[in-house]
Amino acid sequence: MERLVDEAGDAGFDEVVVFTDATDYLSQFGFESVPFERVPGDLTDRLEAAEHRASDPDEVRVLRLATDRLRMPDDLRARFKRASATGGGDGGREVAELAEEFDPGEDATYKYDTGG
């Protein structure tokens, strides 16, 4: 999470916008809910695509985080430090691919937005 938000900031973006049903997970990093009517117009197509792919479209929420406002909880930072590419920090789950190898393909629906 830290790396993604840092890269967005380094690229000149002021905030990260996420369409998700994992609001509890992301809120611990500082992400805040955005009312649907305040979603920038150029992101509404991505919101509709996220709702279409979701198992329950009513659970999809819009969250945002200013790139300079990320909070990393101490317990998560400790778990991430213990994690390895083969074992993980939570009981040995195997990781299918490293972040550097991840390719979202042409259907990815992520986008950074500077709010402008």
C-alpha atoms as a PDB file:
ATOM      1  CA  MET A   1       0.000   0.000   0.000  1.00  0.00           C
ATOM      2  CA  GLU A   2       2.780   2.371   0.960  1.00  0.00           C
ATOM      3  CA  ARG A   3       4.596   1.765  -2.277  1.00  0.00           C
ATOM      4  CA  LEU A   4       1.531   2.347  -4.469  1.00  0.00           C
ATOM      5  CA  VAL A   5       0.587   5.588  -2.719  1.00  0.00           C
ATOM      6  CA  ASP A   6       4.201   6.807  -2.746  1.00  0.00           C
ATOM      7  CA  GLU A   7       4.491   6.095  -6.477  1.00  0.00           C
ATOM      8  CA  ALA A   8       1.291   8.037  -7.150  1.00  0.00           C
ATOM      9  CA  GLY A   9       2.665  10.998  -5.171  1.00  0.00           C
ATOM     10  CA  ASP A  10       6.033  10.778  -6.936  1.00  0.00           C
ATOM     11  CA  ALA A  11       4.182  10.844 -10.265  1.00  0.00           C
ATOM     12  CA  GLY A  12       2.582  14.157  -9.275  1.00  0.00           C
ATOM     13  CA  PHE A  13      -0.854  12.943  -8.185  1.00  0.00           C
ATOM     14  CA  ASP A  14      -2.440  14.499  -5.108  1.00  0.00           C
ATOM     15  CA  GLU A  15      -4.813  11.662  -4.250  1.00  0.00           C
ATOM     16  CA  VAL A  16      -5.621   8.025  -4.866  1.00  0.00           C
ATOM     17  CA  VAL A  17      -9.226   6.989  -5.565  1.00  0.00           C
ATOM     18  CA  VAL A  18     -10.344   3.386  -5.005  1.00  0.00           C
ATOM     19  CA  PHE A  19     -13.576   1.561  -5.853  1.00  0.00           C
ATOM     20  CA  THR A  20     -13.913  -1.298  -3.383  1.00  0.00           C
ATOM     21  CA  ASP A  21     -16.035  -3.314  -1.013  1.00  0.00           C
ATOM     22  CA  ALA A  22     -13.079  -3.573   1.423  1.00  0.00           C
ATOM     23  CA  THR A  23     -13.740  -0.296   3.197  1.00  0.00           C
ATOM     24  CA  ASP A  24     -12.756  -1.519   6.667  1.00  0.00           C
ATOM     25  CA  TYR A  25      -9.377  -2.713   5.428  1.00  0.00           C
ATOM     26  CA  LEU A  26      -8.548   0.486   3.528  1.00  0.00           C
ATOM     27  CA  SER A  27      -9.854   2.859   6.198  1.00  0.00           C
ATOM     28  CA  GLN A  28      -7.059   1.741   8.543  1.00  0.00           C
ATOM     29  CA  PHE A  29      -4.617   3.354   6.071  1.00  0.00           C
ATOM     30  CA  GLY A  30      -6.537   6.636   6.105  1.00  0.00           C
ATOM     31  CA  PHE A  31      -8.830   6.167   3.112  1.00  0.00           C
ATOM     32  CA  GLU A  32     -12.100   8.073   3.490  1.00  0.00           C
ATOM     33  CA  SER A  33     -15.477   7.527   1.870  1.00  0.00           C
ATOM     34  CA  VAL A  34     -16.568   9.756  -1.003  1.00  0.00           C
ATOM     35  CA  PRO A  35     -20.287  10.169  -1.784  1.00  0.00           C
ATOM     36  CA  PHE A  36     -21.137   8.827  -5.249  1.00  0.00           C
ATOM     37  CA  GLU A  37     -22.359  12.231  -6.372  1.00  0.00           C
ATOM     38  CA  ARG A  38     -18.883  13.675  -5.678  1.00  0.00           C
ATOM     39  CA  VAL A  39     -17.036  11.176  -7.890  1.00  0.00           C
ATOM     40  CA  PRO A  40     -15.244  13.155 -10.615  1.00  0.00           C
ATOM     41  CA  GLY A  41     -16.940  12.780 -13.992  1.00  0.00           C
ATOM     42  CA  ASP A  42     -13.943  11.132 -15.625  1.00  0.00           C
ATOM     43  CA  LEU A  43     -14.110   8.322 -13.028  1.00  0.00           C
ATOM     44  CA  THR A  44     -17.792   7.432 -13.338  1.00  0.00           C
ATOM     45  CA  ASP A  45     -17.120   4.889 -16.111  1.00  0.00           C
ATOM     46  CA  ARG A  46     -14.596   3.131 -13.873  1.00  0.00           C
ATOM     47  CA  LEU A  47     -17.091   3.140 -11.001  1.00  0.00           C
ATOM     48  CA  GLU A  48     -19.726   1.540 -13.229  1.00  0.00           C
ATOM     49  CA  ALA A  49     -17.211  -1.098 -14.366  1.00  0.00           C
ATOM     50  CA  ALA A  50     -16.309  -1.891 -10.738  1.00  0.00           C
ATOM     51  CA  GLU A  51     -19.983  -2.240  -9.836  1.00  0.00           C
ATOM     52  CA  HIS A  52     -20.545  -4.497 -12.846  1.00  0.00           C
ATOM     53  CA  ARG A  53     -17.701  -6.859 -11.825  1.00  0.00           C
ATOM     54  CA  ALA A  54     -18.608  -6.955  -8.125  1.00  0.00           C
ATOM     55  CA  SER A  55     -20.531  -9.898  -6.709  1.00  0.00           C
ATOM     56  CA  ASP A  56     -22.723  -7.345  -4.901  1.00  0.00           C
ATOM     57  CA  PRO A  57     -22.724  -3.966  -6.700  1.00  0.00           C
ATOM     58  CA  ASP A  58     -24.443  -2.312  -3.719  1.00  0.00           C
ATOM     59  CA  GLU A  59     -21.327  -3.002  -1.618  1.00  0.00           C
ATOM     60  CA  VAL A  60     -18.952  -1.034  -3.885  1.00  0.00           C
ATOM     61  CA  ARG A  61     -17.818   2.215  -2.294  1.00  0.00           C
ATOM     62  CA  VAL A  62     -15.596   5.059  -3.416  1.00  0.00           C
ATOM     63  CA  LEU A  63     -12.664   5.848  -1.129  1.00  0.00           C
ATOM     64  CA  ARG A  64      -9.928   8.416  -1.469  1.00  0.00           C
ATOM     65  CA  LEU A  65      -6.649   9.233   0.201  1.00  0.00           C
ATOM     66  CA  ALA A  66      -4.373  12.220  -0.251  1.00  0.00           C
ATOM     67  CA  THR A  67      -0.965  10.847  -1.232  1.00  0.00           C
ATOM     68  CA  ASP A  68       0.677  12.610   1.713  1.00  0.00           C
ATOM     69  CA  ARG A  69      -1.821  11.252   4.279  1.00  0.00           C
ATOM     70  CA  LEU A  70      -1.187   7.481   4.285  1.00  0.00           C
ATOM     71  CA  ARG A  71      -1.235   5.920   7.773  1.00  0.00           C
ATOM     72  CA  MET A  72       0.563   2.617   8.210  1.00  0.00           C
ATOM     73  CA  PRO A  73      -0.636   0.847  11.378  1.00  0.00           C
ATOM     74  CA  ASP A  74       2.266  -0.511  13.442  1.00  0.00           C
ATOM     75  CA  ASP A  75       0.826  -4.039  13.547  1.00  0.00           C
ATOM     76  CA  LEU A  76       0.533  -4.182   9.755  1.00  0.00           C
ATOM     77  CA  ARG A  77       4.023  -2.780   9.265  1.00  0.00           C
ATOM     78  CA  ALA A  78       5.363  -5.538  11.536  1.00  0.00           C
ATOM     79  CA  ARG A  79       3.439  -8.223   9.611  1.00  0.00           C
ATOM     80  CA  PHE A  80       4.699  -6.904   6.266  1.00  0.00           C
ATOM     81  CA  LYS A  81       8.283  -6.967   7.531  1.00  0.00           C
ATOM     82  CA  ARG A  82       7.901 -10.626   8.580  1.00  0.00           C
ATOM     83  CA  ALA A  83       6.356 -11.613   5.247  1.00  0.00           C
ATOM     84  CA  SER A  84       8.416 -13.324   2.571  1.00  0.00           C
ATOM     85  CA  ALA A  85       7.755 -14.198  -1.057  1.00  0.00           C
ATOM     86  CA  THR A  86       7.200 -17.853  -0.145  1.00  0.00           C
ATOM     87  CA  GLY A  87       5.977 -17.847   3.425  1.00  0.00           C
ATOM     88  CA  GLY A  88       4.161 -14.674   4.295  1.00  0.00           C
ATOM     89  CA  GLY A  89       3.848 -13.199   7.758  1.00  0.00           C
ATOM     90  CA  ASP A  90       0.603 -14.982   8.591  1.00  0.00           C
ATOM     91  CA  GLY A  91       1.185 -18.682   8.672  1.00  0.00           C
ATOM     92  CA  GLY A  92       2.901 -19.607   5.459  1.00  0.00           C
ATOM     93  CA  ARG A  93       0.531 -18.719   2.626  1.00  0.00           C
ATOM     94  CA  GLU A  94       2.389 -19.018  -0.644  1.00  0.00           C
ATOM     95  CA  VAL A  95       2.502 -15.901  -2.800  1.00  0.00           C
ATOM     96  CA  ALA A  96       1.704 -16.558  -6.460  1.00  0.00           C
ATOM     97  CA  GLU A  97       3.694 -13.604  -7.766  1.00  0.00           C
ATOM     98  CA  LEU A  98       5.734 -10.723  -6.485  1.00  0.00           C
ATOM     99  CA  ALA A  99       4.451  -7.160  -6.774  1.00  0.00           C
ATOM    100  CA  GLU A 100       7.159  -6.416  -9.332  1.00  0.00           C
ATOM    101  CA  GLU A 101       5.802  -9.228 -11.530  1.00  0.00           C
ATOM    102  CA  PHE A 102       2.145  -8.190 -11.321  1.00  0.00           C
ATOM    103  CA  ASP A 103       0.627  -7.172 -14.645  1.00  0.00           C
ATOM    104  CA  PRO A 104      -2.978  -5.944 -14.383  1.00  0.00           C
ATOM    105  CA  GLY A 105      -3.490  -6.298 -18.144  1.00  0.00           C
ATOM    106  CA  GLU A 106      -5.626  -4.147 -20.357  1.00  0.00           C
ATOM    107  CA  ASP A 107      -8.782  -4.537 -18.239  1.00  0.00           C
ATOM    108  CA  ALA A 108      -7.381  -2.827 -15.132  1.00  0.00           C
ATOM    109  CA  THR A 109      -9.717  -0.263 -13.636  1.00  0.00           C
ATOM    110  CA  TYR A 110      -7.346   1.682 -11.454  1.00  0.00           C
ATOM    111  CA  LYS A 111      -6.646   5.346 -12.025  1.00  0.00           C
ATOM    112  CA  TYR A 112      -4.932   8.120 -10.137  1.00  0.00           C
ATOM    113  CA  ASP A 113      -6.741  11.427  -9.916  1.00  0.00           C
ATOM    114  CA  THR A 114      -5.328  14.811  -8.992  1.00  0.00           C
ATOM    115  CA  GLY A 115      -8.767  16.209  -8.255  1.00  0.00           C
ATOM    116  CA  GLY A 116      -8.516  18.689 -11.069  1.00  0.00           C
END
